[in-house]
Amino acid sequence: MIFSSISFLSLFLPSLLIVYFLSPKKYRNIILLLFSLFFYYMGEKEYVLLLIFSCVINYFFGRMIPNTKPKIILIFGIIFNLGLLFYFKYTNFFLNTFTTLLGLNSHTLKIVLPLGISFFTFQNISYLIDVYRKSVEPQKSFINYATYIALFPQLIAGPIVRYQDIEKELNYREESFVLFSEGVKRFIIGLGKKVLIADAIYQTYTTILATNMTAFSYILVGVCFTLQLYYDFSGYSDMAIGLGKMFGFHFKENFNYPLTASSITDFWRRWHISLSSFLKDYVYIPLGGNKKGIKRQILNLFVVWFLTGLWHGADWNFILWGIYFFVLLTLEKFVLQKHLKNRLISHTYTFVLITISFIIFSIPNLNELKNFFKGCIGINVPLWNKEFLYYLLLNIPLLLIAMIGIGPWLKNNIKKLQKGKWRKRFEWIINEKRIPSHVS
């Protein structure tokens, strides 16, 4: 079940809202937990037992850390969580890699990847580490802890919500009509991003890929990859944040107009913020960060970006994607930083490199990826043809809307309009009290 599906919008969410708000406050976490488990069950069936098992084990690890050899319990907890993730997500990848290197016939095990395992694994690990660091107290209520892990708005595709960010709201939160209305508004914005833009762009580039491709067609598809991924991921985060607000939770922002970044470093401060901050706080800094010399810093960056790529998917294109960003960020940090002063150059440079990165991200087969890049520079294909022009002209309105939406310009101008002289001219439209009597 996904947030944009009819079953979610017309059945699941209305049913949950009715039951939740008609129930006493002391039962609301139980209701959220049961509905969240049902939400997961609708997509994963028997793997809901894995989710429950993971919650039980990590709950007891968290309770044990302050009382029984904290470091040993933490190590066992991390091994348990990474072991689950490795088995379900990476077993076949590494098995195929080793058999290929040894010249043997590849053998794939029948392992189905549970939805959301990357996200709830990281949340469990961050909770155990924070308890070990004494940043938070262990959660005494299993219901509250399981609700934190299984909470349906962020269960499948994030954002990665840290326990410390919603610890107080798990124990006690104040729902309100104002917060609920903000949540509905945010959810609708995310739904629009997903359905009206991301899905439409997906249809556009799949149609173009079925035509006689040209160099410009490949470039257009690459831009579409970037826009579609942004609107899909950020739209889902908007919906998750909106749903959280409906039930009294405040999830942190996960995207901050990343496609308007002026450098790759700036991009990763704005893109999937919950993931980049997790890796910084729980991997990069514990490894030594930039405190142990340049060579160690470069090694730490490599480890972080290798893991970032691997976390996104068990395929070589994702590892290549992570290493690609490692190279770019290392070059920016030590070589390019002083050359990125001109705004036009820096924004263009960043958008082009981001587009290249999402081409890598979107094409798992390395041979197909190589041919795609060949196509982008015109090898074995014409520069353009009539089909390219037809689909470009046909999709100009969609692409313009998508390009306008990647930045804060529209939002900022609406705010200026609301505050400026034009507000008085249009205020009667938005304020019922100012409607002239002869109109009403």
Protein backbone atom coordinates (compact mmCIF):
# COMPACT_ATOMS: atom_id res chain seq x y z
CA MET A 1 0.00 0.00 0.00
CA ILE A 2 1.37 3.41 -0.95
CA PHE A 3 0.14 6.84 0.12
CA SER A 4 -1.12 7.72 -3.35
CA SER A 5 -3.18 4.54 -3.73
CA ILE A 6 -6.99 4.57 -3.66
CA SER A 7 -7.04 1.95 -0.90
CA PHE A 8 -4.90 4.16 1.35
CA LEU A 9 -6.75 7.42 0.64
CA SER A 10 -10.29 6.08 0.70
CA LEU A 11 -10.11 3.24 3.26
CA PHE A 12 -6.99 3.04 5.43
CA LEU A 13 -6.44 6.70 6.32
CA PRO A 14 -10.11 7.62 6.97
CA SER A 15 -10.60 4.49 9.10
CA LEU A 16 -7.49 5.25 11.15
CA LEU A 17 -8.45 8.91 11.66
CA ILE A 18 -11.95 7.97 12.88
CA VAL A 19 -10.73 5.27 15.29
CA TYR A 20 -7.74 7.33 16.48
CA PHE A 21 -9.58 10.54 17.34
CA LEU A 22 -12.56 8.78 18.88
CA SER A 23 -10.27 6.87 21.25
CA PRO A 24 -8.92 8.09 24.60
CA LYS A 25 -5.36 9.42 24.47
CA LYS A 26 -3.93 6.49 26.43
CA TYR A 27 -4.92 4.06 23.66
CA ARG A 28 -3.74 6.11 20.69
CA ASN A 29 -0.24 4.64 20.45
CA ILE A 30 -1.72 1.13 20.47
CA ILE A 31 -4.08 2.13 17.67
CA LEU A 32 -1.25 3.68 15.65
CA LEU A 33 0.84 0.56 16.17
CA LEU A 34 -1.91 -1.85 15.12
CA PHE A 35 -2.80 0.18 12.03
CA SER A 36 0.90 0.56 11.16
CA LEU A 37 1.43 -3.20 11.38
CA PHE A 38 -1.65 -3.74 9.21
CA PHE A 39 -0.30 -1.16 6.75
CA TYR A 40 2.97 -3.11 6.56
CA TYR A 41 1.13 -6.44 6.36
CA MET A 42 -0.80 -5.26 3.28
CA GLY A 43 2.48 -4.89 1.44
CA GLU A 44 4.67 -7.54 3.02
CA LYS A 45 2.38 -10.22 4.47
CA GLU A 46 4.47 -12.59 6.63
CA TYR A 47 7.39 -10.12 6.91
CA VAL A 48 5.33 -8.18 9.43
CA LEU A 49 6.56 -10.87 11.87
CA LEU A 50 10.14 -9.86 11.05
CA LEU A 51 9.30 -6.25 11.86
CA ILE A 52 7.74 -7.25 15.18
CA PHE A 53 10.70 -9.54 15.98
CA SER A 54 13.12 -6.68 15.24
CA CYS A 55 11.16 -4.37 17.55
CA VAL A 56 11.16 -6.93 20.39
CA ILE A 57 14.90 -7.65 20.20
CA ASN A 58 15.93 -3.99 19.95
CA TYR A 59 13.56 -3.01 22.76
CA PHE A 60 15.31 -5.48 25.09
CA PHE A 61 18.76 -4.43 23.86
CA GLY A 62 17.85 -0.85 24.71
CA ARG A 63 16.65 -1.80 28.20
CA MET A 64 19.83 -3.83 28.83
CA ILE A 65 22.41 -1.25 27.69
CA PRO A 66 22.42 0.95 30.86
CA ASN A 67 22.54 -2.05 33.18
CA THR A 68 24.68 -4.80 31.63
CA LYS A 69 28.07 -4.16 29.98
CA PRO A 70 26.84 -1.33 27.68
CA LYS A 71 29.48 -1.64 24.94
CA ILE A 72 29.05 -5.41 24.53
CA ILE A 73 25.25 -5.11 24.35
CA LEU A 74 25.57 -2.27 21.82
CA ILE A 75 27.92 -4.36 19.66
CA PHE A 76 25.51 -7.30 19.74
CA GLY A 77 22.64 -4.97 18.87
CA ILE A 78 24.47 -3.49 15.88
CA ILE A 79 25.53 -6.95 14.68
CA PHE A 80 21.94 -8.18 14.96
CA ASN A 81 20.51 -5.28 12.96
CA LEU A 82 23.21 -5.25 10.29
CA GLY A 83 22.99 -9.04 10.09
CA LEU A 84 19.28 -8.85 9.24
CA LEU A 85 19.92 -6.12 6.69
CA PHE A 86 22.83 -7.99 5.12
CA TYR A 87 20.95 -11.26 4.84
CA PHE A 88 17.84 -9.88 3.19
CA LYS A 89 19.40 -7.14 1.09
CA TYR A 90 22.94 -8.20 0.20
CA THR A 91 23.25 -12.00 0.36
CA ASN A 92 22.46 -12.57 -3.32
CA PHE A 93 24.52 -9.58 -4.43
CA PHE A 94 27.70 -10.79 -2.72
CA LEU A 95 26.99 -14.42 -3.64
CA ASN A 96 26.72 -13.51 -7.32
CA THR A 97 29.80 -11.31 -7.12
CA PHE A 98 31.99 -14.02 -5.61
CA THR A 99 30.76 -16.77 -7.94
CA THR A 100 31.44 -14.50 -10.93
CA LEU A 101 34.96 -13.72 -9.71
CA LEU A 102 35.62 -17.44 -9.19
CA GLY A 103 34.22 -18.31 -12.63
CA LEU A 104 31.41 -20.42 -11.20
CA ASN A 105 27.75 -20.55 -12.18
CA SER A 106 25.82 -17.89 -10.32
CA HIS A 107 23.36 -19.17 -7.76
CA THR A 108 20.56 -16.99 -6.39
CA LEU A 109 18.76 -17.77 -3.14
CA LYS A 110 15.02 -17.17 -2.90
CA ILE A 111 15.22 -14.16 -0.61
CA VAL A 112 12.58 -11.44 -0.83
CA LEU A 113 13.69 -7.99 0.32
CA PRO A 114 11.29 -6.69 3.00
CA LEU A 115 10.07 -3.16 2.33
CA GLY A 116 11.56 -0.50 4.57
CA ILE A 117 14.22 -2.73 6.15
CA SER A 118 16.95 -0.18 5.42
CA PHE A 119 14.99 2.50 7.26
CA PHE A 120 13.90 0.60 10.34
CA THR A 121 17.37 -0.96 10.65
CA PHE A 122 18.97 2.50 10.80
CA GLN A 123 16.35 3.70 13.28
CA ASN A 124 16.99 0.73 15.57
CA ILE A 125 20.75 1.30 15.39
CA SER A 126 20.48 5.05 16.05
CA TYR A 127 18.26 4.34 19.08
CA LEU A 128 20.73 1.85 20.58
CA ILE A 129 23.68 4.19 20.02
CA ASP A 130 21.81 7.13 21.55
CA VAL A 131 20.92 5.04 24.59
CA TYR A 132 24.58 3.98 24.88
CA ARG A 133 25.69 7.63 24.58
CA LYS A 134 23.08 8.56 27.22
CA SER A 135 21.51 11.02 24.78
CA VAL A 136 18.14 9.41 25.54
CA GLU A 137 16.66 7.21 28.22
CA PRO A 138 15.64 3.66 27.24
CA GLN A 139 11.96 3.48 26.32
CA LYS A 140 10.17 1.58 29.09
CA SER A 141 7.01 0.88 27.11
CA PHE A 142 7.29 -1.72 24.37
CA ILE A 143 4.15 -0.30 22.74
CA ASN A 144 5.76 3.14 22.50
CA TYR A 145 9.01 1.74 21.12
CA ALA A 146 7.26 -0.45 18.55
CA THR A 147 5.13 2.54 17.55
CA TYR A 148 8.31 4.55 16.95
CA ILE A 149 9.81 1.87 14.70
CA ALA A 150 6.64 0.79 12.88
CA LEU A 151 4.98 4.22 12.56
CA PHE A 152 3.50 3.92 9.08
CA PRO A 153 4.21 7.43 7.68
CA GLN A 154 7.98 6.83 7.75
CA LEU A 155 8.14 3.01 7.77
CA ILE A 156 8.52 2.24 4.06
CA ALA A 157 10.59 5.08 2.61
CA GLY A 158 11.61 7.37 5.42
CA PRO A 159 12.59 9.93 6.43
CA ILE A 160 14.88 8.30 8.98
CA VAL A 161 13.30 9.55 12.22
CA ARG A 162 15.58 9.52 15.24
CA TYR A 163 14.11 8.44 18.54
CA GLN A 164 15.36 11.57 20.31
CA ASP A 165 13.38 13.76 17.89
CA ILE A 166 10.01 12.27 18.84
CA GLU A 167 10.76 10.79 22.28
CA LYS A 168 8.53 13.27 24.10
CA GLU A 169 5.75 12.95 21.52
CA LEU A 170 5.70 9.18 21.90
CA ASN A 171 5.03 9.56 25.59
CA TYR A 172 2.72 12.56 25.32
CA ARG A 173 1.68 14.73 22.38
CA GLU A 174 -0.91 17.39 21.83
CA GLU A 175 -2.98 17.07 18.67
CA SER A 176 -4.77 20.18 17.45
CA PHE A 177 -6.97 21.33 14.60
CA VAL A 178 -4.27 23.79 13.46
CA LEU A 179 -1.58 21.08 13.39
CA PHE A 180 -3.95 18.66 11.67
CA SER A 181 -4.79 21.21 8.97
CA GLU A 182 -1.07 21.89 8.44
CA GLY A 183 -0.57 18.15 8.06
CA VAL A 184 -3.38 17.85 5.51
CA LYS A 185 -1.94 20.75 3.50
CA ARG A 186 1.55 19.23 3.55
CA PHE A 187 0.19 15.81 2.59
CA ILE A 188 -1.68 17.28 -0.39
CA ILE A 189 1.47 19.07 -1.57
CA GLY A 190 3.40 15.79 -1.41
CA LEU A 191 0.61 13.89 -3.12
CA GLY A 192 0.61 16.47 -5.91
CA LYS A 193 4.37 16.16 -6.32
CA LYS A 194 4.10 12.39 -6.55
CA VAL A 195 1.00 11.95 -8.73
CA LEU A 196 0.89 15.09 -10.87
CA ILE A 197 4.61 15.59 -11.50
CA ALA A 198 6.75 12.54 -10.63
CA ASP A 199 4.41 9.98 -12.20
CA ALA A 200 3.84 12.19 -15.24
CA ILE A 201 7.58 12.61 -15.79
CA TYR A 202 8.03 8.85 -15.43
CA GLN A 203 5.49 8.31 -18.21
CA THR A 204 7.30 10.92 -20.32
CA TYR A 205 10.74 9.39 -20.17
CA THR A 206 9.53 5.80 -20.58
CA THR A 207 7.74 6.93 -23.75
CA ILE A 208 10.85 8.72 -25.04
CA LEU A 209 13.05 5.68 -24.33
CA ALA A 210 10.81 3.65 -26.66
CA THR A 211 11.51 6.01 -29.59
CA ASN A 212 14.49 6.24 -31.94
CA MET A 213 16.90 7.84 -29.48
CA THR A 214 19.14 10.81 -30.24
CA ALA A 215 21.80 12.59 -28.21
CA PHE A 216 19.29 15.24 -27.15
CA SER A 217 16.78 12.50 -26.28
CA TYR A 218 19.29 10.86 -23.94
CA ILE A 219 20.04 14.21 -22.28
CA LEU A 220 16.33 14.95 -21.89
CA VAL A 221 15.76 11.54 -20.31
CA GLY A 222 18.66 12.19 -17.92
CA VAL A 223 17.06 15.46 -16.81
CA CYS A 224 13.74 13.61 -16.43
CA PHE A 225 15.45 10.99 -14.22
CA THR A 226 16.62 13.80 -11.93
CA LEU A 227 13.28 15.60 -11.76
CA GLN A 228 11.28 12.40 -11.31
CA LEU A 229 13.49 11.14 -8.48
CA TYR A 230 13.35 14.50 -6.71
CA TYR A 231 9.57 14.85 -6.92
CA ASP A 232 9.04 11.19 -6.01
CA PHE A 233 11.34 11.19 -2.96
CA SER A 234 10.51 14.68 -1.71
CA GLY A 235 6.80 14.14 -2.37
CA TYR A 236 6.87 11.00 -0.24
CA SER A 237 8.70 12.88 2.52
CA ASP A 238 6.14 15.68 2.37
CA MET A 239 3.34 13.15 2.72
CA ALA A 240 5.14 11.47 5.64
CA ILE A 241 5.69 14.79 7.43
CA GLY A 242 2.07 15.76 6.79
CA LEU A 243 0.74 12.46 8.12
CA GLY A 244 2.96 12.83 11.18
CA LYS A 245 1.46 16.25 11.92
CA MET A 246 -2.07 14.86 11.64
CA PHE A 247 -1.25 12.59 14.59
CA GLY A 248 0.77 15.13 16.58
CA PHE A 249 4.31 14.22 15.49
CA HIS A 250 6.90 16.67 14.17
CA PHE A 251 9.30 14.97 11.75
CA LYS A 252 12.29 16.97 10.61
CA GLU A 253 12.55 18.25 7.05
CA ASN A 254 14.19 15.82 4.64
CA PHE A 255 14.58 17.95 1.50
CA ASN A 256 15.45 21.64 1.19
CA TYR A 257 15.35 22.49 -2.55
CA PRO A 258 18.42 20.32 -3.31
CA LEU A 259 18.34 20.87 -7.07
CA THR A 260 19.07 24.57 -6.52
CA ALA A 261 22.32 23.76 -4.67
CA SER A 262 25.47 25.66 -5.60
CA SER A 263 27.84 22.74 -5.03
CA ILE A 264 27.73 19.00 -4.43
CA THR A 265 28.52 19.65 -0.77
CA ASP A 266 25.56 22.01 -0.61
CA PHE A 267 23.41 19.44 -2.42
CA TRP A 268 24.03 16.86 0.29
CA ARG A 269 23.07 19.37 2.97
CA ARG A 270 19.70 19.61 1.22
CA TRP A 271 19.03 16.10 -0.20
CA HIS A 272 17.75 13.27 2.01
CA ILE A 273 18.88 15.22 5.05
CA SER A 274 17.92 12.46 7.51
CA LEU A 275 20.25 9.98 5.76
CA SER A 276 23.23 12.33 5.38
CA SER A 277 22.96 13.48 9.00
CA PHE A 278 22.67 9.84 10.18
CA LEU A 279 25.84 8.84 8.32
CA LYS A 280 27.66 11.93 9.57
CA ASP A 281 26.73 11.40 13.23
CA TYR A 282 26.93 7.60 13.40
CA VAL A 283 29.68 6.76 10.88
CA TYR A 284 31.81 9.72 9.77
CA ILE A 285 32.38 11.37 13.16
CA PRO A 286 32.94 8.08 15.08
CA LEU A 287 35.56 7.15 12.44
CA GLY A 288 37.41 10.37 13.27
CA GLY A 289 35.81 12.77 10.81
CA ASN A 290 38.33 15.42 9.81
CA LYS A 291 40.21 15.34 13.12
CA LYS A 292 42.94 12.82 12.21
CA GLY A 293 44.66 14.31 9.19
CA ILE A 294 43.83 14.59 5.50
CA LYS A 295 44.58 10.97 4.58
CA ARG A 296 42.31 9.64 7.33
CA GLN A 297 39.63 12.17 6.38
CA ILE A 298 39.67 10.98 2.76
CA LEU A 299 39.46 7.35 3.94
CA ASN A 300 36.52 8.25 6.19
CA LEU A 301 34.77 9.98 3.29
CA PHE A 302 35.29 6.91 1.14
CA VAL A 303 33.80 4.60 3.78
CA VAL A 304 30.78 6.87 4.23
CA TRP A 305 30.04 7.19 0.52
CA PHE A 306 30.67 3.54 -0.23
CA LEU A 307 28.13 2.70 2.49
CA THR A 308 25.76 5.38 1.17
CA GLY A 309 25.78 3.80 -2.25
CA LEU A 310 25.42 0.28 -0.88
CA TRP A 311 22.57 1.35 1.43
CA HIS A 312 20.54 2.58 -1.54
CA GLY A 313 20.63 -0.77 -3.29
CA ALA A 314 22.46 -4.08 -3.72
CA ASP A 315 23.83 -3.45 -7.19
CA TRP A 316 27.02 -2.13 -8.71
CA ASN A 317 25.44 1.03 -10.09
CA PHE A 318 24.61 2.12 -6.52
CA ILE A 319 28.18 1.49 -5.38
CA LEU A 320 29.41 3.43 -8.42
CA TRP A 321 26.95 6.19 -7.51
CA GLY A 322 28.36 6.41 -3.98
CA ILE A 323 31.98 6.43 -5.18
CA TYR A 324 31.07 9.09 -7.76
CA PHE A 325 29.92 11.39 -4.94
CA PHE A 326 32.99 10.52 -2.87
CA VAL A 327 35.24 11.70 -5.72
CA LEU A 328 33.23 14.89 -6.29
CA LEU A 329 33.05 15.81 -2.60
CA THR A 330 36.77 15.12 -2.09
CA LEU A 331 37.64 17.30 -5.11
CA GLU A 332 35.37 20.08 -3.86
CA LYS A 333 36.80 19.97 -0.36
CA PHE A 334 40.45 20.09 -1.39
CA VAL A 335 40.59 21.48 -4.95
CA LEU A 336 37.45 23.04 -6.41
CA GLN A 337 36.06 25.07 -3.52
CA LYS A 338 37.84 28.29 -4.45
CA HIS A 339 36.69 28.02 -8.08
CA LEU A 340 32.95 27.89 -7.34
CA LYS A 341 32.39 31.58 -6.65
CA ASN A 342 30.34 32.52 -9.73
CA ARG A 343 26.69 31.68 -9.02
CA LEU A 344 25.72 30.81 -12.59
CA ILE A 345 28.74 28.56 -13.04
CA SER A 346 28.33 26.87 -9.65
CA HIS A 347 24.60 26.18 -10.11
CA THR A 348 25.09 24.89 -13.66
CA TYR A 349 28.05 22.72 -12.62
CA THR A 350 26.05 21.28 -9.73
CA PHE A 351 22.89 20.53 -11.72
CA VAL A 352 24.86 18.81 -14.50
CA LEU A 353 26.78 16.61 -12.04
CA ILE A 354 23.61 15.76 -10.13
CA THR A 355 21.93 14.77 -13.39
CA ILE A 356 24.86 12.49 -14.23
CA SER A 357 24.60 10.96 -10.75
CA PHE A 358 20.92 10.13 -11.19
CA ILE A 359 21.55 8.56 -14.55
CA ILE A 360 23.96 6.24 -12.73
CA PHE A 361 21.36 5.74 -9.98
CA SER A 362 18.54 4.88 -12.41
CA ILE A 363 20.26 2.30 -14.66
CA PRO A 364 21.34 -0.88 -12.80
CA ASN A 365 22.89 -2.62 -15.81
CA LEU A 366 26.42 -1.28 -16.30
CA ASN A 367 26.47 -2.04 -20.03
CA GLU A 368 23.21 -0.14 -20.50
CA LEU A 369 24.65 2.66 -18.41
CA LYS A 370 27.73 2.85 -20.63
CA ASN A 371 25.57 2.95 -23.76
CA PHE A 372 23.39 5.67 -22.23
CA PHE A 373 26.39 7.92 -21.66
CA LYS A 374 27.62 7.18 -25.18
CA GLY A 375 24.23 8.30 -26.43
CA CYS A 376 24.44 11.54 -24.42
CA ILE A 377 27.59 12.55 -26.31
CA GLY A 378 26.25 11.44 -29.69
CA ILE A 379 28.16 8.19 -30.26
CA ASN A 380 26.29 6.00 -32.78
CA VAL A 381 23.15 8.17 -32.61
CA PRO A 382 22.07 11.38 -34.43
CA LEU A 383 22.04 14.70 -32.59
CA TRP A 384 18.25 15.08 -32.86
CA ASN A 385 15.24 14.01 -34.93
CA LYS A 386 11.57 14.90 -35.35
CA GLU A 387 10.48 12.48 -32.62
CA PHE A 388 12.68 14.28 -30.11
CA LEU A 389 11.23 17.67 -31.09
CA TYR A 390 7.68 16.30 -30.90
CA TYR A 391 8.08 14.93 -27.37
CA LEU A 392 10.02 17.97 -26.21
CA LEU A 393 7.31 20.37 -27.39
CA LEU A 394 4.59 18.09 -26.03
CA ASN A 395 6.14 18.06 -22.55
CA ILE A 396 7.36 21.66 -22.27
CA PRO A 397 4.48 22.66 -19.89
CA LEU A 398 5.23 19.71 -17.58
CA LEU A 399 8.98 20.36 -17.63
CA LEU A 400 8.50 24.08 -16.96
CA ILE A 401 6.24 23.34 -13.99
CA ALA A 402 8.79 20.81 -12.70
CA MET A 403 11.71 23.24 -13.09
CA ILE A 404 9.81 26.05 -11.35
CA GLY A 405 8.90 23.71 -8.50
CA ILE A 406 12.48 22.69 -7.68
CA GLY A 407 13.21 26.06 -6.06
CA PRO A 408 11.61 28.34 -3.47
CA TRP A 409 10.75 31.06 -5.99
CA LEU A 410 7.02 30.40 -6.24
CA LYS A 411 6.65 30.02 -2.48
CA ASN A 412 8.62 33.23 -1.81
CA ASN A 413 6.65 35.24 -4.37
CA ILE A 414 3.34 34.06 -2.89
CA LYS A 415 4.53 35.27 0.52
CA LYS A 416 5.52 38.63 -0.97
CA LEU A 417 2.13 38.85 -2.65
CA GLN A 418 0.41 38.16 0.65
CA LYS A 419 2.40 40.89 2.41
CA GLY A 420 2.57 43.50 -0.35
CA LYS A 421 0.22 46.02 -1.91
CA TRP A 422 -1.44 43.35 -4.08
CA ARG A 423 -2.87 41.73 -0.95
CA LYS A 424 -5.37 44.53 -0.49
CA ARG A 425 -6.62 44.16 -4.05
CA PHE A 426 -7.22 40.43 -3.66
CA GLU A 427 -7.98 40.24 0.04
CA TRP A 428 -11.73 40.09 -0.53
CA ILE A 429 -11.16 36.80 -2.36
CA ILE A 430 -9.41 35.12 0.56
CA ASN A 431 -11.18 36.83 3.46
CA GLU A 432 -14.92 36.30 3.71
CA LYS A 433 -15.39 39.35 5.92
CA ARG A 434 -14.22 41.64 3.14
CA ILE A 435 -16.63 40.37 0.47
CA PRO A 436 -18.72 43.38 -0.60
CA SER A 437 -22.37 43.14 0.42
CA HIS A 438 -23.63 43.37 -3.14
CA VAL A 439 -21.51 40.33 -4.08
CA SER A 440 -22.73 38.13 -1.23
